[in-house]
C-alpha cells in the first residue's frame, strides 16, 4: 500500500461541494484542482465525497443549485470559474466555508471585504492583474501594427468586464490606439456583435473573458475565423480550440492553488483570515495554424516570448 493511500485511509472523511456555471467544468477547468486534492491525500470513495452541480451555462439556475449543495452539508463549498458561481454560493450560506477559484474582481463584485482580509466565509483566487489587459492590447499591436481600430468584445453584465474595460481604455489612450466596444450578453448576441465589429472597420479583436462567452468559445472562434478577424483571448482554452492567441493567468496553477486553500480550511484555517491570492504566473499561447489561416505572419519577437506555440 502506498503511503499516500495509507494516509488517505487514515484521515477522516470530508464532503466537498462544487458549484459550476459552465458545462463540463469538472473535466476541464476543475481538473487541476481535483488532481491537486488527490495529491494532498483526498480521494473520492475513500475519504472524500464530492457533490458536483453545474448550471450548464444557465446562470439563473445557480441559486437553486447552491441551495442544494448547502443542504448536502459540505465541509467546504468550492465555487467554479467566474464571479456568478461564488456570488450564488455566498448568497446561499454565511457559515459554510467557500473557496472561489477564479474571480476577476472579488472586492468590486462585493464578494469579500478586502484581498488581505476577506472577512467572512469566502476566500480563494483572483484572476485580477492590473496590467494584463494592456499587455493583450500590446500583443495585438505587435501582430497588426499601425494604430488600426481594435474591437473589444465583452459581456457588460459580468463584474470583471467593467474593470477590464477601464484598464483597456486607459491603455489604449496611452498608446494612441483607437478602440470600439461591442457587447454580447448571451450566445445569441455573438454573431451580431462580431458582424458589427467587422463593418466598423476593426482589424482585430480583444475578447474579454467571461463564463457565458467561454461557454461559447467554439462558436466565437468560428465566427471570428469567418469574419477573418484576428483575436486575442484571456484563456488558453480558446487557442487550444483553434483561436489565434491568448494571454492570461495560468488557470491550471490557479486550480491547484485553490485545492491548497481547501486543504488549509479542512485543517482548521478560517477563510476570513486567508488572503485572496492574485495571479503570479501568466502564459502567452500562440496558434500558428490559426495565424496561417488568417494570412498573418507572427513576428519572431512575439514567438520568442510565447510560453507555448501550437503548430
C-alpha atoms as a PDB file:
ATOM      1  CA  UNK A   1       0.000   0.000   0.000  1.00  0.00           C
ATOM      2  CA  UNK A   2       1.405   3.395  -0.971  1.00  0.00           C
ATOM      3  CA  UNK A   3       1.992   5.997   1.773  1.00  0.00           C
ATOM      4  CA  UNK A   4      -0.494   8.335   0.079  1.00  0.00           C
ATOM      5  CA  UNK A   5      -3.285   5.759   0.092  1.00  0.00           C
ATOM      6  CA  UNK A   6      -2.451   4.777   3.692  1.00  0.00           C
ATOM      7  CA  UNK A   7      -2.680   8.442   4.681  1.00  0.00           C
ATOM      8  CA  UNK A   8      -5.978   8.833   2.829  1.00  0.00           C
ATOM      9  CA  UNK A   9      -7.464   5.855   4.611  1.00  0.00           C
ATOM     10  CA  UNK A  10      -6.283   7.150   7.993  1.00  0.00           C
ATOM     11  CA  UNK A  11      -7.876  10.582   7.512  1.00  0.00           C
ATOM     12  CA  UNK A  12     -11.464  11.404   8.434  1.00  0.00           C
ATOM     13  CA  UNK A  13     -13.948  11.644   5.608  1.00  0.00           C
ATOM     14  CA  UNK A  14     -14.790  15.057   4.129  1.00  0.00           C
ATOM     15  CA  UNK A  15     -17.680  16.229   2.000  1.00  0.00           C
ATOM     16  CA  UNK A  16     -16.950  18.886  -0.623  1.00  0.00           C
ATOM     17  CA  UNK A  17     -19.418  20.766  -2.784  1.00  0.00           C
ATOM     18  CA  UNK A  18     -18.524  22.175  -6.207  1.00  0.00           C
ATOM     19  CA  UNK A  19     -20.761  24.750  -7.897  1.00  0.00           C
ATOM     20  CA  UNK A  20     -20.068  25.355 -11.592  1.00  0.00           C
ATOM     21  CA  UNK A  21     -21.611  27.710 -14.091  1.00  0.00           C
ATOM     22  CA  UNK A  22     -20.046  26.162 -17.188  1.00  0.00           C
ATOM     23  CA  UNK A  23     -20.936  22.722 -18.590  1.00  0.00           C
ATOM     24  CA  UNK A  24     -18.317  20.011 -18.060  1.00  0.00           C
ATOM     25  CA  UNK A  25     -16.237  22.101 -15.694  1.00  0.00           C
ATOM     26  CA  UNK A  26     -15.356  19.043 -13.602  1.00  0.00           C
ATOM     27  CA  UNK A  27     -13.374  17.610 -16.536  1.00  0.00           C
ATOM     28  CA  UNK A  28     -11.885  20.898 -17.774  1.00  0.00           C
ATOM     29  CA  UNK A  29     -11.213  23.940 -15.568  1.00  0.00           C
ATOM     30  CA  UNK A  30     -11.697  21.987 -12.314  1.00  0.00           C
ATOM     31  CA  UNK A  31      -9.416  19.111 -13.306  1.00  0.00           C
ATOM     32  CA  UNK A  32      -6.159  20.597 -11.880  1.00  0.00           C
ATOM     33  CA  UNK A  33      -7.965  21.342  -8.599  1.00  0.00           C
ATOM     34  CA  UNK A  34      -9.225  17.776  -8.294  1.00  0.00           C
ATOM     35  CA  UNK A  35      -5.799  16.383  -9.186  1.00  0.00           C
ATOM     36  CA  UNK A  36      -4.141  18.529  -6.525  1.00  0.00           C
ATOM     37  CA  UNK A  37      -6.679  17.421  -3.916  1.00  0.00           C
ATOM     38  CA  UNK A  38      -5.756  13.836  -4.716  1.00  0.00           C
ATOM     39  CA  UNK A  39      -2.048  14.647  -4.328  1.00  0.00           C
ATOM     40  CA  UNK A  40      -2.858  16.140  -0.926  1.00  0.00           C
ATOM     41  CA  UNK A  41      -4.456  12.854   0.130  1.00  0.00           C
ATOM     42  CA  UNK A  42      -8.154  13.435  -0.603  1.00  0.00           C
ATOM     43  CA  UNK A  43      -9.568  10.526  -2.573  1.00  0.00           C
ATOM     44  CA  UNK A  44     -13.112  10.059  -3.796  1.00  0.00           C
ATOM     45  CA  UNK A  45     -14.664   6.918  -2.381  1.00  0.00           C
ATOM     46  CA  UNK A  46     -12.089   6.729   0.402  1.00  0.00           C
ATOM     47  CA  UNK A  47     -12.030   9.907   2.467  1.00  0.00           C
ATOM     48  CA  UNK A  48     -13.777  12.432   0.223  1.00  0.00           C
ATOM     49  CA  UNK A  49     -17.311  12.779  -1.082  1.00  0.00           C
ATOM     50  CA  UNK A  50     -17.690  15.311  -3.898  1.00  0.00           C
ATOM     51  CA  UNK A  51     -21.101  16.824  -4.575  1.00  0.00           C
ATOM     52  CA  UNK A  52     -20.924  18.446  -8.029  1.00  0.00           C
ATOM     53  CA  UNK A  53     -23.583  20.711  -9.515  1.00  0.00           C
ATOM     54  CA  UNK A  54     -23.395  22.537 -12.836  1.00  0.00           C
ATOM     55  CA  UNK A  55     -25.750  25.171 -14.206  1.00  0.00           C
ATOM     56  CA  UNK A  56     -24.641  24.159 -17.728  1.00  0.00           C
ATOM     57  CA  UNK A  57     -24.172  27.794 -18.670  1.00  0.00           C
ATOM     58  CA  UNK A  58     -27.554  28.929 -17.350  1.00  0.00           C
ATOM     59  CA  UNK A  59     -26.771  31.493 -14.659  1.00  0.00           C
ATOM     60  CA  UNK A  60     -30.394  31.618 -13.442  1.00  0.00           C
ATOM     61  CA  UNK A  61     -30.006  28.033 -12.158  1.00  0.00           C
ATOM     62  CA  UNK A  62     -27.102  28.869  -9.817  1.00  0.00           C
ATOM     63  CA  UNK A  63     -29.134  29.955  -6.719  1.00  0.00           C
ATOM     64  CA  UNK A  64     -31.141  26.715  -6.724  1.00  0.00           C
ATOM     65  CA  UNK A  65     -28.025  24.561  -7.200  1.00  0.00           C
ATOM     66  CA  UNK A  66     -26.172  26.478  -4.472  1.00  0.00           C
ATOM     67  CA  UNK A  67     -29.081  25.827  -2.086  1.00  0.00           C
ATOM     68  CA  UNK A  68     -28.940  22.099  -2.950  1.00  0.00           C
ATOM     69  CA  UNK A  69     -25.246  21.964  -2.147  1.00  0.00           C
ATOM     70  CA  UNK A  70     -25.726  23.802   1.141  1.00  0.00           C
ATOM     71  CA  UNK A  71     -28.413  21.275   2.154  1.00  0.00           C
ATOM     72  CA  UNK A  72     -25.889  18.483   1.486  1.00  0.00           C
ATOM     73  CA  UNK A  73     -23.779  19.952   4.306  1.00  0.00           C
ATOM     74  CA  UNK A  74     -20.306  20.190   2.759  1.00  0.00           C
ATOM     75  CA  UNK A  75     -17.229  20.944   4.856  1.00  0.00           C
ATOM     76  CA  UNK A  76     -16.134  23.346   2.091  1.00  0.00           C
ATOM     77  CA  UNK A  77     -18.089  24.700  -0.869  1.00  0.00           C
ATOM     78  CA  UNK A  78     -15.941  25.303  -3.962  1.00  0.00           C
ATOM     79  CA  UNK A  79     -17.201  27.898  -6.443  1.00  0.00           C
ATOM     80  CA  UNK A  80     -16.031  27.394 -10.018  1.00  0.00           C
ATOM     81  CA  UNK A  81     -14.852  29.696 -12.778  1.00  0.00           C
ATOM     82  CA  UNK A  82     -16.062  33.295 -12.830  1.00  0.00           C
ATOM     83  CA  UNK A  83     -17.935  35.550 -10.428  1.00  0.00           C
ATOM     84  CA  UNK A  84     -21.512  34.298 -10.715  1.00  0.00           C
ATOM     85  CA  UNK A  85     -20.995  30.894  -9.056  1.00  0.00           C
ATOM     86  CA  UNK A  86     -19.226  32.399  -5.998  1.00  0.00           C
ATOM     87  CA  UNK A  87     -21.936  35.054  -5.767  1.00  0.00           C
ATOM     88  CA  UNK A  88     -24.642  32.389  -5.638  1.00  0.00           C
ATOM     89  CA  UNK A  89     -22.672  30.341  -3.097  1.00  0.00           C
ATOM     90  CA  UNK A  90     -22.149  33.337  -0.789  1.00  0.00           C
ATOM     91  CA  UNK A  91     -25.843  34.233  -1.020  1.00  0.00           C
ATOM     92  CA  UNK A  92     -26.750  30.656  -0.054  1.00  0.00           C
ATOM     93  CA  UNK A  93     -24.666  30.368   3.129  1.00  0.00           C
ATOM     94  CA  UNK A  94     -22.866  32.570   5.620  1.00  0.00           C
ATOM     95  CA  UNK A  95     -21.468  29.667   7.657  1.00  0.00           C
ATOM     96  CA  UNK A  96     -20.040  27.048   5.265  1.00  0.00           C
ATOM     97  CA  UNK A  97     -16.503  27.975   4.123  1.00  0.00           C
ATOM     98  CA  UNK A  98     -16.343  28.910   0.428  1.00  0.00           C
ATOM     99  CA  UNK A  99     -13.291  28.785  -1.848  1.00  0.00           C
ATOM    100  CA  UNK A 100     -13.646  30.561  -5.194  1.00  0.00           C
ATOM    101  CA  UNK A 101     -11.292  29.511  -7.971  1.00  0.00           C
ATOM    102  CA  UNK A 102     -11.052  32.421 -10.430  1.00  0.00           C
ATOM    103  CA  UNK A 103     -12.817  35.724  -9.789  1.00  0.00           C
ATOM    104  CA  UNK A 104     -11.846  38.795 -11.802  1.00  0.00           C
ATOM    105  CA  UNK A 105     -12.531  41.441  -9.148  1.00  0.00           C
ATOM    106  CA  UNK A 106     -13.778  39.881  -5.867  1.00  0.00           C
ATOM    107  CA  UNK A 107     -13.761  43.191  -3.952  1.00  0.00           C
ATOM    108  CA  UNK A 108     -15.544  45.111  -6.713  1.00  0.00           C
ATOM    109  CA  UNK A 109     -18.110  42.318  -7.023  1.00  0.00           C
ATOM    110  CA  UNK A 110     -18.839  42.559  -3.284  1.00  0.00           C
ATOM    111  CA  UNK A 111     -17.702  39.007  -2.506  1.00  0.00           C
ATOM    112  CA  UNK A 112     -15.121  39.971   0.135  1.00  0.00           C
ATOM    113  CA  UNK A 113     -14.153  42.965   2.248  1.00  0.00           C
ATOM    114  CA  UNK A 114     -10.553  43.132   1.032  1.00  0.00           C
ATOM    115  CA  UNK A 115      -7.926  40.943  -0.613  1.00  0.00           C
ATOM    116  CA  UNK A 116      -5.788  40.787   2.532  1.00  0.00           C
ATOM    117  CA  UNK A 117      -8.686  40.220   4.950  1.00  0.00           C
ATOM    118  CA  UNK A 118     -11.690  38.652   3.189  1.00  0.00           C
ATOM    119  CA  UNK A 119     -13.613  38.994   6.447  1.00  0.00           C
ATOM    120  CA  UNK A 120     -16.388  36.401   6.180  1.00  0.00           C
ATOM    121  CA  UNK A 121     -16.763  32.805   4.985  1.00  0.00           C
ATOM    122  CA  UNK A 122     -15.266  33.139   1.488  1.00  0.00           C
ATOM    123  CA  UNK A 123     -11.755  33.350   0.081  1.00  0.00           C
ATOM    124  CA  UNK A 124      -9.797  31.969  -2.845  1.00  0.00           C
ATOM    125  CA  UNK A 125      -8.132  33.036  -6.057  1.00  0.00           C
ATOM    126  CA  UNK A 126      -8.485  36.275  -8.004  1.00  0.00           C
ATOM    127  CA  UNK A 127      -7.642  36.487 -11.698  1.00  0.00           C
ATOM    128  CA  UNK A 128      -7.192  40.244 -11.350  1.00  0.00           C
ATOM    129  CA  UNK A 129      -3.884  41.703 -12.543  1.00  0.00           C
ATOM    130  CA  UNK A 130      -3.530  45.437 -13.094  1.00  0.00           C
ATOM    131  CA  UNK A 131      -1.750  45.447 -16.461  1.00  0.00           C
ATOM    132  CA  UNK A 132      -2.889  42.201 -18.071  1.00  0.00           C
ATOM    133  CA  UNK A 133      -5.459  43.813 -20.391  1.00  0.00           C
ATOM    134  CA  UNK A 134      -2.923  46.411 -21.520  1.00  0.00           C
ATOM    135  CA  UNK A 135      -0.471  43.653 -22.382  1.00  0.00           C
ATOM    136  CA  UNK A 136      -3.079  41.902 -24.514  1.00  0.00           C
ATOM    137  CA  UNK A 137      -3.614  45.152 -26.385  1.00  0.00           C
ATOM    138  CA  UNK A 138       0.144  45.451 -26.937  1.00  0.00           C
ATOM    139  CA  UNK A 139       0.359  41.888 -28.264  1.00  0.00           C
ATOM    140  CA  UNK A 140      -2.385  42.732 -30.781  1.00  0.00           C
ATOM    141  CA  UNK A 141      -0.425  45.835 -31.821  1.00  0.00           C
ATOM    142  CA  UNK A 142       2.659  43.637 -32.323  1.00  0.00           C
ATOM    143  CA  UNK A 143       0.645  41.334 -34.559  1.00  0.00           C
ATOM    144  CA  UNK A 144      -1.101  44.069 -36.514  1.00  0.00           C
ATOM    145  CA  UNK A 145       0.879  47.329 -36.288  1.00  0.00           C
ATOM    146  CA  UNK A 146      -0.334  50.719 -37.454  1.00  0.00           C
ATOM    147  CA  UNK A 147      -2.800  52.034 -34.826  1.00  0.00           C
ATOM    148  CA  UNK A 148      -5.757  50.451 -36.582  1.00  0.00           C
ATOM    149  CA  UNK A 149      -9.151  50.063 -34.896  1.00  0.00           C
ATOM    150  CA  UNK A 150      -9.343  47.287 -32.288  1.00  0.00           C
ATOM    151  CA  UNK A 151     -12.741  45.866 -31.342  1.00  0.00           C
ATOM    152  CA  UNK A 152     -13.337  44.823 -27.725  1.00  0.00           C
ATOM    153  CA  UNK A 153     -15.926  42.104 -27.138  1.00  0.00           C
ATOM    154  CA  UNK A 154     -17.374  41.691 -23.659  1.00  0.00           C
ATOM    155  CA  UNK A 155     -20.414  40.897 -21.566  1.00  0.00           C
ATOM    156  CA  UNK A 156     -21.356  44.101 -19.690  1.00  0.00           C
ATOM    157  CA  UNK A 157     -23.276  42.072 -17.087  1.00  0.00           C
ATOM    158  CA  UNK A 158     -20.042  40.496 -15.814  1.00  0.00           C
ATOM    159  CA  UNK A 159     -18.393  42.476 -12.969  1.00  0.00           C
ATOM    160  CA  UNK A 160     -14.900  41.810 -14.331  1.00  0.00           C
ATOM    161  CA  UNK A 161     -15.802  43.350 -17.707  1.00  0.00           C
ATOM    162  CA  UNK A 162     -16.280  46.833 -16.222  1.00  0.00           C
ATOM    163  CA  UNK A 163     -12.835  46.658 -14.616  1.00  0.00           C
ATOM    164  CA  UNK A 164     -11.182  45.300 -17.765  1.00  0.00           C
ATOM    165  CA  UNK A 165     -12.826  47.959 -19.940  1.00  0.00           C
ATOM    166  CA  UNK A 166     -11.455  50.740 -17.734  1.00  0.00           C
ATOM    167  CA  UNK A 167      -7.980  49.229 -17.970  1.00  0.00           C
ATOM    168  CA  UNK A 168      -8.033  48.685 -21.727  1.00  0.00           C
ATOM    169  CA  UNK A 169      -9.434  52.186 -22.350  1.00  0.00           C
ATOM    170  CA  UNK A 170      -6.637  53.735 -20.276  1.00  0.00           C
ATOM    171  CA  UNK A 171      -4.016  51.599 -22.032  1.00  0.00           C
ATOM    172  CA  UNK A 172      -5.402  52.445 -25.487  1.00  0.00           C
ATOM    173  CA  UNK A 173      -5.343  56.178 -24.718  1.00  0.00           C
ATOM    174  CA  UNK A 174      -1.675  55.998 -23.666  1.00  0.00           C
ATOM    175  CA  UNK A 175      -0.810  54.004 -26.825  1.00  0.00           C
ATOM    176  CA  UNK A 176      -2.875  56.198 -29.144  1.00  0.00           C
ATOM    177  CA  UNK A 177      -4.814  53.071 -30.084  1.00  0.00           C
ATOM    178  CA  UNK A 178      -8.412  53.515 -31.353  1.00  0.00           C
ATOM    179  CA  UNK A 179     -10.978  51.197 -29.711  1.00  0.00           C
ATOM    180  CA  UNK A 180     -14.616  50.275 -30.197  1.00  0.00           C
ATOM    181  CA  UNK A 181     -16.602  48.188 -27.680  1.00  0.00           C
ATOM    182  CA  UNK A 182     -19.175  45.575 -28.721  1.00  0.00           C
ATOM    183  CA  UNK A 183     -21.463  43.832 -26.232  1.00  0.00           C
ATOM    184  CA  UNK A 184     -22.683  40.238 -26.104  1.00  0.00           C
ATOM    185  CA  UNK A 185     -24.729  39.307 -23.050  1.00  0.00           C
ATOM    186  CA  UNK A 186     -25.811  35.961 -24.479  1.00  0.00           C
ATOM    187  CA  UNK A 187     -24.502  33.458 -27.011  1.00  0.00           C
ATOM    188  CA  UNK A 188     -27.274  34.542 -29.408  1.00  0.00           C
ATOM    189  CA  UNK A 189     -25.837  38.069 -29.481  1.00  0.00           C
ATOM    190  CA  UNK A 190     -22.370  36.925 -30.595  1.00  0.00           C
ATOM    191  CA  UNK A 191     -22.980  36.891 -34.388  1.00  0.00           C
ATOM    192  CA  UNK A 192     -24.392  40.429 -34.352  1.00  0.00           C
ATOM    193  CA  UNK A 193     -21.585  41.785 -32.151  1.00  0.00           C
ATOM    194  CA  UNK A 194     -18.868  40.278 -34.360  1.00  0.00           C
ATOM    195  CA  UNK A 195     -20.613  41.409 -37.560  1.00  0.00           C
ATOM    196  CA  UNK A 196     -20.876  44.962 -36.196  1.00  0.00           C
ATOM    197  CA  UNK A 197     -17.193  44.877 -35.276  1.00  0.00           C
ATOM    198  CA  UNK A 198     -16.303  43.855 -38.809  1.00  0.00           C
ATOM    199  CA  UNK A 199     -18.353  46.558 -40.516  1.00  0.00           C
ATOM    200  CA  UNK A 200     -16.988  49.157 -38.079  1.00  0.00           C
ATOM    201  CA  UNK A 201     -13.600  48.749 -39.728  1.00  0.00           C
ATOM    202  CA  UNK A 202     -11.922  46.914 -36.831  1.00  0.00           C
ATOM    203  CA  UNK A 203      -8.924  44.847 -37.924  1.00  0.00           C
ATOM    204  CA  UNK A 204      -8.573  42.814 -34.705  1.00  0.00           C
ATOM    205  CA  UNK A 205     -10.468  41.943 -31.554  1.00  0.00           C
ATOM    206  CA  UNK A 206      -9.759  41.651 -27.843  1.00  0.00           C
ATOM    207  CA  UNK A 207     -12.163  39.171 -26.236  1.00  0.00           C
ATOM    208  CA  UNK A 208     -12.722  39.777 -22.529  1.00  0.00           C
ATOM    209  CA  UNK A 209     -13.025  36.513 -20.609  1.00  0.00           C
ATOM    210  CA  UNK A 210     -16.458  35.730 -19.261  1.00  0.00           C
ATOM    211  CA  UNK A 211     -18.116  32.439 -18.262  1.00  0.00           C
ATOM    212  CA  UNK A 212     -21.002  32.936 -20.685  1.00  0.00           C
ATOM    213  CA  UNK A 213     -18.721  33.679 -23.641  1.00  0.00           C
ATOM    214  CA  UNK A 214     -16.234  30.989 -22.634  1.00  0.00           C
ATOM    215  CA  UNK A 215     -19.096  28.506 -22.794  1.00  0.00           C
ATOM    216  CA  UNK A 216     -19.472  29.531 -26.451  1.00  0.00           C
ATOM    217  CA  UNK A 217     -15.769  29.514 -27.304  1.00  0.00           C
ATOM    218  CA  UNK A 218     -16.132  27.284 -30.381  1.00  0.00           C
ATOM    219  CA  UNK A 219     -18.856  29.481 -31.855  1.00  0.00           C
ATOM    220  CA  UNK A 220     -16.782  32.608 -31.118  1.00  0.00           C
ATOM    221  CA  UNK A 221     -13.696  31.158 -32.815  1.00  0.00           C
ATOM    222  CA  UNK A 222     -15.678  30.075 -35.879  1.00  0.00           C
ATOM    223  CA  UNK A 223     -17.441  33.435 -36.233  1.00  0.00           C
ATOM    224  CA  UNK A 224     -14.147  35.325 -35.981  1.00  0.00           C
ATOM    225  CA  UNK A 225     -12.473  32.986 -38.480  1.00  0.00           C
ATOM    226  CA  UNK A 226     -15.339  33.546 -40.914  1.00  0.00           C
ATOM    227  CA  UNK A 227     -15.034  37.310 -40.398  1.00  0.00           C
ATOM    228  CA  UNK A 228     -11.222  36.979 -40.779  1.00  0.00           C
ATOM    229  CA  UNK A 229     -10.790  38.972 -37.592  1.00  0.00           C
ATOM    230  CA  UNK A 230      -7.628  38.118 -35.599  1.00  0.00           C
ATOM    231  CA  UNK A 231      -8.358  37.954 -31.871  1.00  0.00           C
ATOM    232  CA  UNK A 232      -6.605  37.672 -28.545  1.00  0.00           C
ATOM    233  CA  UNK A 233      -8.272  35.906 -25.628  1.00  0.00           C
ATOM    234  CA  UNK A 234      -7.705  35.733 -21.889  1.00  0.00           C
ATOM    235  CA  UNK A 235      -8.000  31.949 -21.609  1.00  0.00           C
ATOM    236  CA  UNK A 236      -5.809  29.372 -23.383  1.00  0.00           C
ATOM    237  CA  UNK A 237      -8.851  27.108 -23.992  1.00  0.00           C
ATOM    238  CA  UNK A 238      -9.740  29.332 -26.950  1.00  0.00           C
ATOM    239  CA  UNK A 239      -6.348  28.802 -28.584  1.00  0.00           C
ATOM    240  CA  UNK A 240      -6.403  25.066 -27.938  1.00  0.00           C
ATOM    241  CA  UNK A 241      -9.780  25.041 -29.714  1.00  0.00           C
ATOM    242  CA  UNK A 242      -8.393  26.896 -32.766  1.00  0.00           C
ATOM    243  CA  UNK A 243      -8.202  30.556 -31.728  1.00  0.00           C
ATOM    244  CA  UNK A 244      -5.212  32.721 -32.596  1.00  0.00           C
ATOM    245  CA  UNK A 245      -3.556  33.871 -29.369  1.00  0.00           C
ATOM    246  CA  UNK A 246      -4.222  34.032 -25.645  1.00  0.00           C
ATOM    247  CA  UNK A 247      -2.543  35.807 -22.779  1.00  0.00           C
ATOM    248  CA  UNK A 248      -3.768  35.335 -19.270  1.00  0.00           C
ATOM    249  CA  UNK A 249      -3.408  33.717 -15.911  1.00  0.00           C
ATOM    250  CA  UNK A 250      -2.352  30.095 -15.775  1.00  0.00           C
ATOM    251  CA  UNK A 251      -5.721  28.553 -14.886  1.00  0.00           C
ATOM    252  CA  UNK A 252      -4.121  25.202 -14.079  1.00  0.00           C
ATOM    253  CA  UNK A 253      -1.896  26.817 -11.455  1.00  0.00           C
ATOM    254  CA  UNK A 254      -4.887  28.680 -10.001  1.00  0.00           C
ATOM    255  CA  UNK A 255      -6.890  25.457  -9.747  1.00  0.00           C
ATOM    256  CA  UNK A 256      -4.067  23.760  -7.890  1.00  0.00           C
ATOM    257  CA  UNK A 257      -3.727  26.708  -5.505  1.00  0.00           C
ATOM    258  CA  UNK A 258      -7.487  26.648  -4.869  1.00  0.00           C
ATOM    259  CA  UNK A 259      -7.146  22.989  -3.806  1.00  0.00           C
ATOM    260  CA  UNK A 260      -4.479  24.048  -1.317  1.00  0.00           C
ATOM    261  CA  UNK A 261      -6.904  26.623   0.131  1.00  0.00           C
ATOM    262  CA  UNK A 262      -9.472  23.851   0.556  1.00  0.00           C
ATOM    263  CA  UNK A 263      -6.845  21.749   2.332  1.00  0.00           C
ATOM    264  CA  UNK A 264      -5.951  24.604   4.701  1.00  0.00           C
ATOM    265  CA  UNK A 265      -9.598  25.167   5.626  1.00  0.00           C
ATOM    266  CA  UNK A 266     -10.197  21.445   6.202  1.00  0.00           C
ATOM    267  CA  UNK A 267      -7.223  21.537   8.561  1.00  0.00           C
ATOM    268  CA  UNK A 268      -8.759  24.375  10.573  1.00  0.00           C
ATOM    269  CA  UNK A 269      -7.904  27.675   8.841  1.00  0.00           C
ATOM    270  CA  UNK A 270     -10.606  30.350   8.709  1.00  0.00           C
ATOM    271  CA  UNK A 271     -11.462  31.758   5.248  1.00  0.00           C
ATOM    272  CA  UNK A 272     -11.908  35.179   6.877  1.00  0.00           C
ATOM    273  CA  UNK A 273      -8.175  35.292   7.565  1.00  0.00           C
ATOM    274  CA  UNK A 274      -6.858  33.638   4.393  1.00  0.00           C
ATOM    275  CA  UNK A 275      -5.811  36.416   1.983  1.00  0.00           C
ATOM    276  CA  UNK A 276      -7.168  36.170  -1.536  1.00  0.00           C
ATOM    277  CA  UNK A 277      -4.290  35.264  -3.813  1.00  0.00           C
ATOM    278  CA  UNK A 278      -3.658  37.198  -7.004  1.00  0.00           C
ATOM    279  CA  UNK A 279      -2.060  35.590 -10.054  1.00  0.00           C
ATOM    280  CA  UNK A 280       1.715  35.315 -10.279  1.00  0.00           C
ATOM    281  CA  UNK A 281       2.033  33.213 -13.424  1.00  0.00           C
ATOM    282  CA  UNK A 282       0.849  34.260 -16.871  1.00  0.00           C
ATOM    283  CA  UNK A 283       1.118  32.477 -20.196  1.00  0.00           C
ATOM    284  CA  UNK A 284       1.201  33.554 -23.821  1.00  0.00           C
ATOM    285  CA  UNK A 285      -0.048  30.862 -26.203  1.00  0.00           C
ATOM    286  CA  UNK A 286       0.044  31.247 -29.995  1.00  0.00           C
ATOM    287  CA  UNK A 287      -1.654  29.057 -32.604  1.00  0.00           C
ATOM    288  CA  UNK A 288       0.392  29.196 -35.813  1.00  0.00           C
ATOM    289  CA  UNK A 289      -2.186  27.181 -37.743  1.00  0.00           C
ATOM    290  CA  UNK A 290      -4.793  29.859 -36.973  1.00  0.00           C
ATOM    291  CA  UNK A 291      -2.307  32.582 -37.960  1.00  0.00           C
ATOM    292  CA  UNK A 292      -1.670  30.883 -41.301  1.00  0.00           C
ATOM    293  CA  UNK A 293      -5.402  30.584 -41.993  1.00  0.00           C
ATOM    294  CA  UNK A 294      -5.695  34.358 -41.428  1.00  0.00           C
ATOM    295  CA  UNK A 295      -2.652  35.096 -43.585  1.00  0.00           C
ATOM    296  CA  UNK A 296      -0.779  36.530 -40.601  1.00  0.00           C
ATOM    297  CA  UNK A 297       2.975  36.395 -40.097  1.00  0.00           C
ATOM    298  CA  UNK A 298       3.683  36.219 -36.379  1.00  0.00           C
ATOM    299  CA  UNK A 299       6.760  38.358 -35.570  1.00  0.00           C
ATOM    300  CA  UNK A 300       9.754  36.311 -34.334  1.00  0.00           C
ATOM    301  CA  UNK A 301       9.970  38.593 -31.276  1.00  0.00           C
ATOM    302  CA  UNK A 302       6.418  37.563 -30.274  1.00  0.00           C
ATOM    303  CA  UNK A 303       7.105  33.878 -30.894  1.00  0.00           C
ATOM    304  CA  UNK A 304      10.175  34.141 -28.688  1.00  0.00           C
ATOM    305  CA  UNK A 305       8.018  35.410 -25.821  1.00  0.00           C
ATOM    306  CA  UNK A 306       5.422  32.642 -26.165  1.00  0.00           C
ATOM    307  CA  UNK A 307       5.151  30.044 -23.418  1.00  0.00           C
ATOM    308  CA  UNK A 308       3.634  27.652 -25.938  1.00  0.00           C
ATOM    309  CA  UNK A 309       3.307  27.595 -29.720  1.00  0.00           C
ATOM    310  CA  UNK A 310       0.678  25.350 -31.293  1.00  0.00           C
ATOM    311  CA  UNK A 311       1.582  24.307 -34.831  1.00  0.00           C
END
